[in-house]
Each structure stands twice: as structure tokens, then as C-alpha cells.
């Protein structure tokens, strides 16, 4: 009888623990993407249009809190694009190799400081901005003392978007 109660107690604890879970940002993004594509709807995202829309929203946000708009830095785009390719190849969201990337950018542009935001699976510029403003570290980068930016949006083989925005302070 003790063995039966012990087994039941272990099963109850296992069920209780499995019901208590935390959701990571990555899981929320995946859930948001899944919800956006329910009902066999095919979401079609134009990466270049998404880049323009999100840059406009970021600058609009900065303007709304009294910060200068960021000037587009075309030469740095290749670094954002390369990082998106890396994240897509790894099937993960990351800031891997940021120090190396920031050093190269600073050397090429004479930037005094460099920062970046990344995201994936958001299906609109507004949702991406919302995700960044709700994250303390992403919001700090977006609202930082920067003068220039670049943003790459690329799609993985399933058509899901990956985002890398790089911020620079250049004299």
C-alpha cells in the first residue's frame, strides 16, 4: 500500500511540475508566428518593405521621446545581413560574435559605440517594435545615444523573418 501511495505522489508531483512552465521570448515569438499563420493562411513578408517600415517606427519612437532620428548607414548593412544569415543557419536568436562585428564596424566607420537588437518570427514592423520596447535591453539600445543605424530583415526557408538592427554613434 505504501508503494502505491508513493507512486501516486510521484505522479501527482510530476503532473503539477509539468503544468508550471515559463515562456521565453523565443517561445513567445514562435507562438506569435504560429498564431499569425493559423487557418492555413500564408503570411507573405516583403523583407525590404519590413526594413523600411521598422526603421520608420524606430525613428518615430525615438522622436516621440525627444531623441534624434537615426541616419541610415548603408556600409554597415552587410554586417546585419551576415548576422541574420548566421542566425538562420543556426536556427536560433543570438548576439553571437557581436564583439568582433562591433570592432569591424567601429574600424570601418569610426564609430564611438555600437549596439544591436535582434528578433525573429515577428510578422509585422509594429509587433517587432513592441517586442523591443517591452524588453529592457532592446529598448535601451533603441533609445541609446546613437546617430546611425542599419536594419536587415531576412527570411528563413519557411518564410519566417529574422531581424538584426545595428546602432552606431559616429562623430
N, C-alpha and C. Protein backbone atom coordinates (compact mmCIF):
# COMPACT_ATOMS: atom_id res chain seq x y z
N UNK A 1 0.81 -1.18 0.00
CA UNK A 1 0.00 0.00 0.00
C UNK A 1 0.87 1.26 0.00
N UNK A 2 1.98 1.24 0.79
CA UNK A 2 2.88 2.38 0.83
C UNK A 2 3.45 2.64 -0.56
N UNK A 3 3.79 1.56 -1.27
CA UNK A 3 4.37 1.69 -2.61
C UNK A 3 3.36 2.37 -3.55
N UNK A 4 2.08 2.02 -3.44
CA UNK A 4 1.04 2.61 -4.29
C UNK A 4 0.90 4.10 -4.01
N UNK A 5 0.86 4.48 -2.72
CA UNK A 5 0.76 5.89 -2.37
C UNK A 5 2.00 6.65 -2.81
N UNK A 6 3.16 6.04 -2.67
CA UNK A 6 4.40 6.68 -3.11
C UNK A 6 4.41 6.92 -4.61
N UNK A 7 3.95 5.93 -5.38
CA UNK A 7 3.88 6.06 -6.84
C UNK A 7 2.89 7.15 -7.22
N UNK A 8 1.73 7.17 -6.57
CA UNK A 8 0.72 8.20 -6.85
C UNK A 8 1.25 9.59 -6.52
N UNK A 9 1.96 9.72 -5.41
CA UNK A 9 2.53 11.00 -5.00
C UNK A 9 3.54 11.50 -6.04
N UNK A 10 4.39 10.63 -6.54
CA UNK A 10 5.37 10.99 -7.56
C UNK A 10 4.65 11.43 -8.83
N UNK A 11 3.59 10.73 -9.22
CA UNK A 11 2.86 11.08 -10.43
C UNK A 11 2.18 12.44 -10.29
N UNK A 12 1.59 12.71 -9.13
CA UNK A 12 0.93 14.00 -8.89
C UNK A 12 1.95 15.13 -8.95
N UNK A 13 3.10 14.95 -8.35
CA UNK A 13 4.15 15.98 -8.38
C UNK A 13 4.63 16.20 -9.81
N UNK A 14 4.83 15.15 -10.56
CA UNK A 14 5.28 15.27 -11.95
C UNK A 14 4.28 16.05 -12.80
N UNK A 15 3.00 15.75 -12.63
CA UNK A 15 1.96 16.47 -13.38
C UNK A 15 1.93 17.93 -12.97
N UNK A 16 2.01 18.20 -11.67
CA UNK A 16 1.98 19.58 -11.19
C UNK A 16 3.16 20.37 -11.72
N UNK A 17 4.33 19.77 -11.73
CA UNK A 17 5.52 20.47 -12.22
C UNK A 17 5.45 20.71 -13.72
N UNK A 18 4.89 19.78 -14.46
CA UNK A 18 4.82 19.95 -15.91
C UNK A 18 3.82 21.03 -16.30
N UNK A 19 2.85 21.32 -15.45
CA UNK A 19 1.89 22.39 -15.73
C UNK A 19 2.46 23.76 -15.43
N UNK A 20 3.50 23.86 -14.66
CA UNK A 20 4.11 25.13 -14.31
C UNK A 20 5.32 25.36 -15.20
N UNK A 21 5.14 26.19 -16.20
CA UNK A 21 6.27 26.45 -17.08
C UNK A 21 6.37 27.94 -17.33
N UNK A 22 7.55 28.37 -17.69
CA UNK A 22 7.74 29.77 -18.04
C UNK A 22 7.92 29.85 -19.54
N UNK A 23 7.52 30.97 -20.10
CA UNK A 23 7.63 31.17 -21.53
C UNK A 23 8.79 32.10 -21.80
N UNK A 24 9.67 31.69 -22.69
CA UNK A 24 10.79 32.54 -23.06
C UNK A 24 10.38 33.47 -24.18
N UNK A 25 11.19 34.50 -24.44
CA UNK A 25 10.93 35.41 -25.54
C UNK A 25 10.87 34.64 -26.85
N UNK A 26 11.77 33.69 -27.02
CA UNK A 26 11.79 32.89 -28.25
C UNK A 26 10.48 32.12 -28.40
N UNK A 27 9.99 31.52 -27.32
CA UNK A 27 8.73 30.77 -27.39
C UNK A 27 7.56 31.70 -27.69
N UNK A 28 7.57 32.91 -27.11
CA UNK A 28 6.52 33.87 -27.39
C UNK A 28 6.53 34.27 -28.85
N UNK A 29 7.73 34.48 -29.42
CA UNK A 29 7.82 34.84 -30.82
C UNK A 29 7.31 33.71 -31.70
N UNK A 30 7.69 32.47 -31.37
CA UNK A 30 7.23 31.33 -32.14
C UNK A 30 5.72 31.19 -32.03
N UNK A 31 5.17 31.40 -30.82
CA UNK A 31 3.72 31.32 -30.63
C UNK A 31 3.05 32.43 -31.44
N UNK A 32 3.60 33.65 -31.42
CA UNK A 32 3.04 34.74 -32.19
C UNK A 32 3.04 34.44 -33.67
N UNK A 33 4.11 33.83 -34.15
CA UNK A 33 4.18 33.48 -35.57
C UNK A 33 3.15 32.40 -35.88
N UNK A 34 3.05 31.40 -35.01
CA UNK A 34 2.09 30.33 -35.22
C UNK A 34 0.67 30.88 -35.22
N UNK A 35 0.36 31.76 -34.27
CA UNK A 35 -0.97 32.35 -34.22
C UNK A 35 -1.26 33.17 -35.46
N UNK A 36 -0.25 33.83 -36.00
CA UNK A 36 -0.43 34.66 -37.19
C UNK A 36 -0.67 33.81 -38.43
N UNK A 37 -0.28 32.54 -38.39
CA UNK A 37 -0.42 31.70 -39.58
C UNK A 37 -1.47 30.61 -39.39
N UNK A 38 -2.31 30.71 -38.35
CA UNK A 38 -3.35 29.72 -38.15
C UNK A 38 -4.36 29.77 -39.29
N UNK A 39 -5.04 28.70 -39.53
CA UNK A 39 -6.05 28.65 -40.56
C UNK A 39 -5.45 28.53 -41.95
N UNK A 40 -4.25 27.99 -42.02
CA UNK A 40 -3.57 27.79 -43.30
C UNK A 40 -3.36 29.08 -44.08
N UNK A 41 -3.35 30.21 -43.38
CA UNK A 41 -3.06 31.47 -44.04
C UNK A 41 -1.58 31.52 -44.34
N UNK A 42 -1.24 31.93 -45.52
CA UNK A 42 0.17 32.09 -45.87
C UNK A 42 0.53 33.55 -45.65
N UNK A 43 1.43 33.79 -44.73
CA UNK A 43 1.89 35.13 -44.46
C UNK A 43 3.00 35.44 -45.46
N UNK A 44 2.83 36.51 -46.19
CA UNK A 44 3.84 36.91 -47.17
C UNK A 44 4.49 38.19 -46.68
N UNK A 45 5.78 38.11 -46.42
CA UNK A 45 6.51 39.25 -45.88
C UNK A 45 7.51 39.73 -46.91
N UNK A 46 7.49 41.03 -47.18
CA UNK A 46 8.46 41.66 -48.06
C UNK A 46 9.56 42.22 -47.17
N UNK A 47 10.74 41.58 -47.14
CA UNK A 47 11.80 42.00 -46.22
C UNK A 47 12.21 43.46 -46.39
N UNK A 48 12.33 43.94 -47.61
CA UNK A 48 12.76 45.34 -47.83
C UNK A 48 11.71 46.31 -47.30
N UNK A 49 10.44 46.01 -47.54
CA UNK A 49 9.36 46.87 -47.03
C UNK A 49 9.34 46.82 -45.51
N UNK A 50 9.57 45.64 -44.94
CA UNK A 50 9.61 45.49 -43.49
C UNK A 50 10.76 46.31 -42.91
N UNK A 51 11.92 46.30 -43.57
CA UNK A 51 13.05 47.11 -43.11
C UNK A 51 12.67 48.59 -43.07
N UNK A 52 12.08 49.08 -44.15
CA UNK A 52 11.69 50.49 -44.22
C UNK A 52 10.67 50.83 -43.14
N UNK A 53 9.65 49.99 -43.02
CA UNK A 53 8.59 50.25 -42.04
C UNK A 53 9.13 50.25 -40.62
N UNK A 54 9.99 49.28 -40.29
CA UNK A 54 10.52 49.19 -38.93
C UNK A 54 11.48 50.34 -38.64
N UNK A 55 12.31 50.73 -39.61
CA UNK A 55 13.19 51.89 -39.40
C UNK A 55 12.36 53.14 -39.15
N UNK A 56 11.27 53.30 -39.89
CA UNK A 56 10.38 54.45 -39.67
C UNK A 56 9.78 54.41 -38.27
N UNK A 57 9.36 53.24 -37.83
CA UNK A 57 8.78 53.11 -36.49
C UNK A 57 9.80 53.38 -35.39
N UNK A 58 11.02 52.87 -35.57
CA UNK A 58 12.07 53.11 -34.58
C UNK A 58 12.35 54.61 -34.48
N UNK A 59 12.50 55.27 -35.63
CA UNK A 59 12.73 56.72 -35.61
C UNK A 59 11.54 57.48 -35.06
N UNK A 60 10.32 57.01 -35.35
CA UNK A 60 9.13 57.62 -34.77
C UNK A 60 9.11 57.49 -33.26
N UNK A 61 9.50 56.33 -32.77
CA UNK A 61 9.58 56.11 -31.32
C UNK A 61 10.61 57.04 -30.70
N UNK A 62 11.78 57.11 -31.31
CA UNK A 62 12.84 58.00 -30.79
C UNK A 62 12.35 59.45 -30.78
N UNK A 63 11.71 59.86 -31.84
CA UNK A 63 11.20 61.23 -31.94
C UNK A 63 10.17 61.50 -30.84
N UNK A 64 9.33 60.51 -30.55
CA UNK A 64 8.27 60.69 -29.56
C UNK A 64 8.80 60.91 -28.14
N UNK A 65 10.04 60.50 -27.92
CA UNK A 65 10.63 60.70 -26.58
C UNK A 65 11.75 61.75 -26.62
N UNK A 66 11.79 62.53 -27.72
CA UNK A 66 12.73 63.65 -27.80
C UNK A 66 14.13 63.31 -28.27
N UNK A 67 14.31 62.13 -28.86
CA UNK A 67 15.62 61.75 -29.37
C UNK A 67 15.73 62.03 -30.86
N UNK A 68 16.98 62.20 -31.32
CA UNK A 68 17.21 62.44 -32.74
C UNK A 68 16.88 61.19 -33.57
N UNK A 69 16.38 61.41 -34.80
CA UNK A 69 16.20 60.26 -35.68
C UNK A 69 17.56 59.72 -36.10
N UNK A 70 17.62 58.45 -36.40
CA UNK A 70 18.87 57.82 -36.80
C UNK A 70 19.02 57.88 -38.31
N UNK A 71 20.23 58.20 -38.76
CA UNK A 71 20.55 58.23 -40.18
C UNK A 71 20.91 56.82 -40.62
N UNK A 72 20.45 56.45 -41.79
CA UNK A 72 20.72 55.11 -42.32
C UNK A 72 22.20 54.97 -42.68
N UNK A 73 22.82 53.91 -42.23
CA UNK A 73 24.22 53.61 -42.51
C UNK A 73 24.30 52.43 -43.48
N UNK A 74 24.36 52.72 -44.74
CA UNK A 74 24.38 51.68 -45.77
C UNK A 74 25.62 50.78 -45.68
N UNK A 75 26.83 51.32 -45.41
CA UNK A 75 28.01 50.44 -45.37
C UNK A 75 27.95 49.35 -44.29
N UNK A 76 27.16 49.56 -43.25
CA UNK A 76 27.09 48.61 -42.14
C UNK A 76 26.05 47.51 -42.39
N UNK A 77 25.22 47.69 -43.41
CA UNK A 77 24.16 46.74 -43.71
C UNK A 77 24.69 45.32 -43.87
N UNK A 78 25.85 45.18 -44.47
CA UNK A 78 26.40 43.84 -44.70
C UNK A 78 26.59 43.07 -43.39
N UNK A 79 26.89 43.78 -42.30
CA UNK A 79 27.09 43.10 -41.01
C UNK A 79 25.76 42.61 -40.44
N UNK A 80 24.72 43.41 -40.60
CA UNK A 80 23.39 42.98 -40.15
C UNK A 80 22.91 41.80 -40.98
N UNK A 81 23.14 41.86 -42.27
CA UNK A 81 22.74 40.78 -43.17
C UNK A 81 23.51 39.49 -42.84
N UNK A 82 24.81 39.60 -42.63
CA UNK A 82 25.63 38.43 -42.28
C UNK A 82 25.14 37.80 -40.98
N UNK A 83 24.78 38.66 -40.00
CA UNK A 83 24.34 38.11 -38.72
C UNK A 83 22.99 37.40 -38.88
N UNK A 84 22.10 37.95 -39.69
CA UNK A 84 20.84 37.24 -39.96
C UNK A 84 21.11 35.88 -40.60
N UNK A 85 22.01 35.85 -41.58
CA UNK A 85 22.36 34.57 -42.22
C UNK A 85 22.88 33.58 -41.19
N UNK A 86 23.70 34.07 -40.28
CA UNK A 86 24.25 33.20 -39.22
C UNK A 86 23.11 32.66 -38.34
N UNK A 87 22.21 33.55 -37.88
CA UNK A 87 21.12 33.09 -37.01
C UNK A 87 20.23 32.09 -37.75
N UNK A 88 19.96 32.35 -39.03
CA UNK A 88 19.14 31.42 -39.81
C UNK A 88 19.84 30.07 -39.92
N UNK A 89 21.15 30.08 -40.18
CA UNK A 89 21.89 28.81 -40.31
C UNK A 89 21.92 28.04 -38.99
N UNK A 90 21.88 28.74 -37.88
CA UNK A 90 21.91 28.11 -36.56
C UNK A 90 20.50 27.83 -36.03
N UNK A 91 19.49 28.37 -36.71
CA UNK A 91 18.10 28.27 -36.28
C UNK A 91 17.94 28.74 -34.83
N UNK A 92 18.53 29.91 -34.54
CA UNK A 92 18.47 30.45 -33.20
C UNK A 92 18.57 31.97 -33.23
N UNK A 93 18.14 32.57 -32.18
CA UNK A 93 18.25 34.01 -31.99
C UNK A 93 19.47 34.26 -31.11
N UNK A 94 20.39 35.13 -31.55
CA UNK A 94 21.60 35.31 -30.76
C UNK A 94 22.30 36.63 -31.07
N UNK A 95 23.22 36.97 -30.19
CA UNK A 95 24.15 38.08 -30.42
C UNK A 95 25.57 37.50 -30.58
N UNK A 96 25.67 36.25 -30.98
CA UNK A 96 26.98 35.61 -31.15
C UNK A 96 27.90 36.49 -32.00
N UNK A 97 29.16 36.54 -31.61
CA UNK A 97 30.21 37.25 -32.34
C UNK A 97 29.99 38.76 -32.40
N UNK A 98 29.20 39.31 -31.48
CA UNK A 98 28.93 40.74 -31.50
C UNK A 98 30.21 41.56 -31.33
N UNK A 99 31.09 41.17 -30.42
CA UNK A 99 32.30 41.96 -30.18
C UNK A 99 33.15 42.08 -31.44
N UNK A 100 33.29 40.99 -32.17
CA UNK A 100 34.04 41.00 -33.41
C UNK A 100 33.35 41.90 -34.45
N UNK A 101 32.03 41.76 -34.56
CA UNK A 101 31.26 42.56 -35.50
C UNK A 101 31.36 44.04 -35.16
N UNK A 102 31.21 44.37 -33.89
CA UNK A 102 31.28 45.76 -33.45
C UNK A 102 32.66 46.36 -33.70
N UNK A 103 33.71 45.59 -33.49
CA UNK A 103 35.07 46.07 -33.73
C UNK A 103 35.28 46.40 -35.20
N UNK A 104 34.82 45.51 -36.08
CA UNK A 104 34.96 45.76 -37.52
C UNK A 104 34.16 47.00 -37.94
N UNK A 105 32.96 47.12 -37.41
CA UNK A 105 32.12 48.28 -37.74
C UNK A 105 32.77 49.57 -37.25
N UNK A 106 33.28 49.56 -36.02
CA UNK A 106 33.92 50.75 -35.47
C UNK A 106 35.14 51.15 -36.30
N UNK A 107 35.90 50.15 -36.72
CA UNK A 107 37.09 50.42 -37.52
C UNK A 107 36.73 51.02 -38.88
N UNK A 108 35.69 50.50 -39.51
CA UNK A 108 35.30 50.96 -40.84
C UNK A 108 34.59 52.32 -40.83
N UNK A 109 33.89 52.62 -39.74
CA UNK A 109 33.05 53.82 -39.72
C UNK A 109 33.52 54.88 -38.74
N UNK A 110 34.56 54.60 -37.98
CA UNK A 110 35.00 55.48 -36.90
C UNK A 110 33.92 55.66 -35.83
N UNK A 111 33.10 54.64 -35.63
CA UNK A 111 32.03 54.69 -34.63
C UNK A 111 32.64 54.70 -33.23
N UNK A 112 32.04 55.50 -32.38
CA UNK A 112 32.47 55.57 -30.99
C UNK A 112 31.82 54.47 -30.15
N UNK A 113 30.62 54.08 -30.56
CA UNK A 113 29.94 52.98 -29.88
C UNK A 113 29.02 52.26 -30.86
N UNK A 114 28.78 50.98 -30.56
CA UNK A 114 27.97 50.13 -31.43
C UNK A 114 27.10 49.25 -30.53
N UNK A 115 25.86 49.05 -30.95
CA UNK A 115 24.95 48.16 -30.24
C UNK A 115 24.06 47.48 -31.28
N UNK A 116 23.30 46.47 -30.85
CA UNK A 116 22.41 45.82 -31.81
C UNK A 116 21.19 45.24 -31.11
N UNK A 117 20.12 45.13 -31.88
CA UNK A 117 18.91 44.41 -31.48
C UNK A 117 18.68 43.30 -32.49
N UNK A 118 18.20 42.17 -32.02
CA UNK A 118 17.84 41.07 -32.90
C UNK A 118 16.43 40.61 -32.53
N UNK A 119 15.78 39.98 -33.49
CA UNK A 119 14.46 39.40 -33.26
C UNK A 119 14.22 38.37 -34.35
N UNK A 120 13.19 37.56 -34.17
CA UNK A 120 12.79 36.66 -35.23
C UNK A 120 11.31 36.32 -35.07
N UNK A 121 10.73 35.95 -36.20
CA UNK A 121 9.36 35.45 -36.30
C UNK A 121 8.27 36.51 -36.17
N UNK A 122 8.59 37.76 -35.86
CA UNK A 122 7.54 38.78 -35.84
C UNK A 122 7.07 39.02 -37.27
N UNK A 123 5.75 39.10 -37.45
CA UNK A 123 5.21 39.21 -38.80
C UNK A 123 4.80 40.63 -39.17
N UNK A 124 5.09 41.60 -38.31
CA UNK A 124 4.83 43.00 -38.65
C UNK A 124 5.88 43.88 -37.98
N UNK A 125 6.10 45.04 -38.59
CA UNK A 125 7.04 46.00 -38.02
C UNK A 125 6.55 46.48 -36.65
N UNK A 126 5.24 46.69 -36.53
CA UNK A 126 4.67 47.16 -35.26
C UNK A 126 4.89 46.15 -34.13
N UNK A 127 4.70 44.86 -34.42
CA UNK A 127 4.91 43.83 -33.40
C UNK A 127 6.38 43.73 -33.02
N UNK A 128 7.27 43.91 -33.99
CA UNK A 128 8.71 43.86 -33.70
C UNK A 128 9.08 45.02 -32.78
N UNK A 129 8.62 46.22 -33.11
CA UNK A 129 8.89 47.38 -32.27
C UNK A 129 8.34 47.17 -30.87
N UNK A 130 7.13 46.64 -30.79
CA UNK A 130 6.51 46.37 -29.49
C UNK A 130 7.36 45.39 -28.67
N UNK A 131 7.86 44.34 -29.32
CA UNK A 131 8.72 43.39 -28.62
C UNK A 131 9.98 44.05 -28.09
N UNK A 132 10.58 44.92 -28.90
CA UNK A 132 11.80 45.61 -28.48
C UNK A 132 11.52 46.61 -27.36
N UNK A 133 10.40 47.32 -27.42
CA UNK A 133 10.12 48.30 -26.37
C UNK A 133 9.74 47.62 -25.05
N UNK A 134 9.27 46.38 -25.12
CA UNK A 134 8.91 45.65 -23.90
C UNK A 134 10.12 44.94 -23.27
N UNK A 135 11.25 44.94 -23.95
CA UNK A 135 12.47 44.33 -23.43
C UNK A 135 13.41 45.45 -22.97
N UNK A 136 13.82 45.41 -21.72
CA UNK A 136 14.67 46.46 -21.17
C UNK A 136 15.94 46.67 -21.97
N UNK A 137 16.64 45.59 -22.32
CA UNK A 137 17.91 45.73 -23.03
C UNK A 137 17.71 46.19 -24.47
N UNK A 138 16.68 45.70 -25.14
CA UNK A 138 16.42 46.12 -26.51
C UNK A 138 15.96 47.58 -26.56
N UNK A 139 15.15 47.95 -25.60
CA UNK A 139 14.68 49.34 -25.52
C UNK A 139 15.84 50.28 -25.26
N UNK A 140 16.76 49.88 -24.38
CA UNK A 140 17.94 50.71 -24.07
C UNK A 140 18.78 50.92 -25.33
N UNK A 141 18.96 49.89 -26.13
CA UNK A 141 19.73 50.03 -27.37
C UNK A 141 19.02 50.98 -28.32
N UNK A 142 17.73 50.78 -28.48
CA UNK A 142 16.95 51.59 -29.41
C UNK A 142 16.90 53.06 -28.99
N UNK A 143 16.92 53.31 -27.70
CA UNK A 143 16.84 54.67 -27.18
C UNK A 143 18.21 55.22 -26.79
N UNK A 144 19.27 54.54 -27.19
CA UNK A 144 20.62 54.94 -26.82
C UNK A 144 21.12 56.17 -27.55
N UNK A 145 22.29 56.61 -27.14
CA UNK A 145 22.93 57.80 -27.72
C UNK A 145 23.62 57.40 -29.02
N UNK A 146 22.83 57.25 -30.07
CA UNK A 146 23.34 56.83 -31.37
C UNK A 146 22.94 57.84 -32.45
N UNK A 147 23.69 57.82 -33.54
CA UNK A 147 23.43 58.74 -34.65
C UNK A 147 23.02 58.01 -35.92
N UNK A 148 23.42 56.76 -36.06
CA UNK A 148 23.19 56.00 -37.29
C UNK A 148 22.67 54.60 -36.97
N UNK A 149 22.06 53.99 -37.97
CA UNK A 149 21.55 52.63 -37.81
C UNK A 149 21.49 51.94 -39.16
N UNK A 150 21.39 50.64 -39.12
CA UNK A 150 21.06 49.83 -40.28
C UNK A 150 20.22 48.68 -39.80
N UNK A 151 19.39 48.15 -40.69
CA UNK A 151 18.49 47.07 -40.32
C UNK A 151 18.36 46.10 -41.48
N UNK A 152 18.58 44.83 -41.18
CA UNK A 152 18.38 43.78 -42.17
C UNK A 152 17.26 42.87 -41.71
N UNK A 153 16.35 42.57 -42.63
CA UNK A 153 15.30 41.58 -42.39
C UNK A 153 15.46 40.52 -43.47
N UNK A 154 15.62 39.29 -43.05
CA UNK A 154 15.76 38.18 -44.00
C UNK A 154 14.85 37.04 -43.58
N UNK A 155 14.43 36.27 -44.55
CA UNK A 155 13.52 35.16 -44.30
C UNK A 155 14.25 33.83 -44.34
N UNK A 156 13.88 32.94 -43.41
CA UNK A 156 14.44 31.59 -43.47
C UNK A 156 13.68 30.80 -44.54
N UNK A 157 14.01 29.53 -44.69
CA UNK A 157 13.41 28.73 -45.77
C UNK A 157 11.90 28.52 -45.59
N UNK A 158 11.38 28.71 -44.38
CA UNK A 158 9.94 28.62 -44.15
C UNK A 158 9.25 29.98 -44.30
N UNK A 159 10.02 31.02 -44.63
CA UNK A 159 9.45 32.35 -44.81
C UNK A 159 9.30 33.14 -43.53
N UNK A 160 9.97 32.69 -42.46
CA UNK A 160 9.89 33.39 -41.18
C UNK A 160 10.99 34.45 -41.11
N UNK A 161 10.65 35.66 -40.68
CA UNK A 161 11.64 36.75 -40.68
C UNK A 161 12.60 36.72 -39.49
N UNK A 162 13.84 37.11 -39.79
CA UNK A 162 14.88 37.34 -38.79
C UNK A 162 15.30 38.81 -38.93
N UNK A 163 15.56 39.45 -37.81
CA UNK A 163 15.88 40.87 -37.79
C UNK A 163 17.21 41.11 -37.07
N UNK A 164 18.06 41.95 -37.65
CA UNK A 164 19.23 42.47 -36.95
C UNK A 164 19.29 43.97 -37.23
N UNK A 165 19.21 44.76 -36.16
CA UNK A 165 19.37 46.21 -36.27
C UNK A 165 20.63 46.60 -35.51
N UNK A 166 21.50 47.34 -36.19
CA UNK A 166 22.76 47.79 -35.60
C UNK A 166 22.68 49.30 -35.40
N UNK A 167 23.10 49.75 -34.23
CA UNK A 167 23.10 51.16 -33.87
C UNK A 167 24.55 51.62 -33.73
N UNK A 168 24.83 52.84 -34.21
CA UNK A 168 26.19 53.40 -34.13
C UNK A 168 26.16 54.85 -33.67
N UNK A 169 27.17 55.24 -32.98
CA UNK A 169 27.39 56.65 -32.69
C UNK A 169 28.65 57.05 -33.46
N UNK A 170 28.46 57.95 -34.44
CA UNK A 170 29.55 58.41 -35.27
C UNK A 170 29.65 59.93 -35.12
N UNK A 171 30.87 60.44 -35.01
CA UNK A 171 31.04 61.90 -34.92
C UNK A 171 30.70 62.56 -36.23
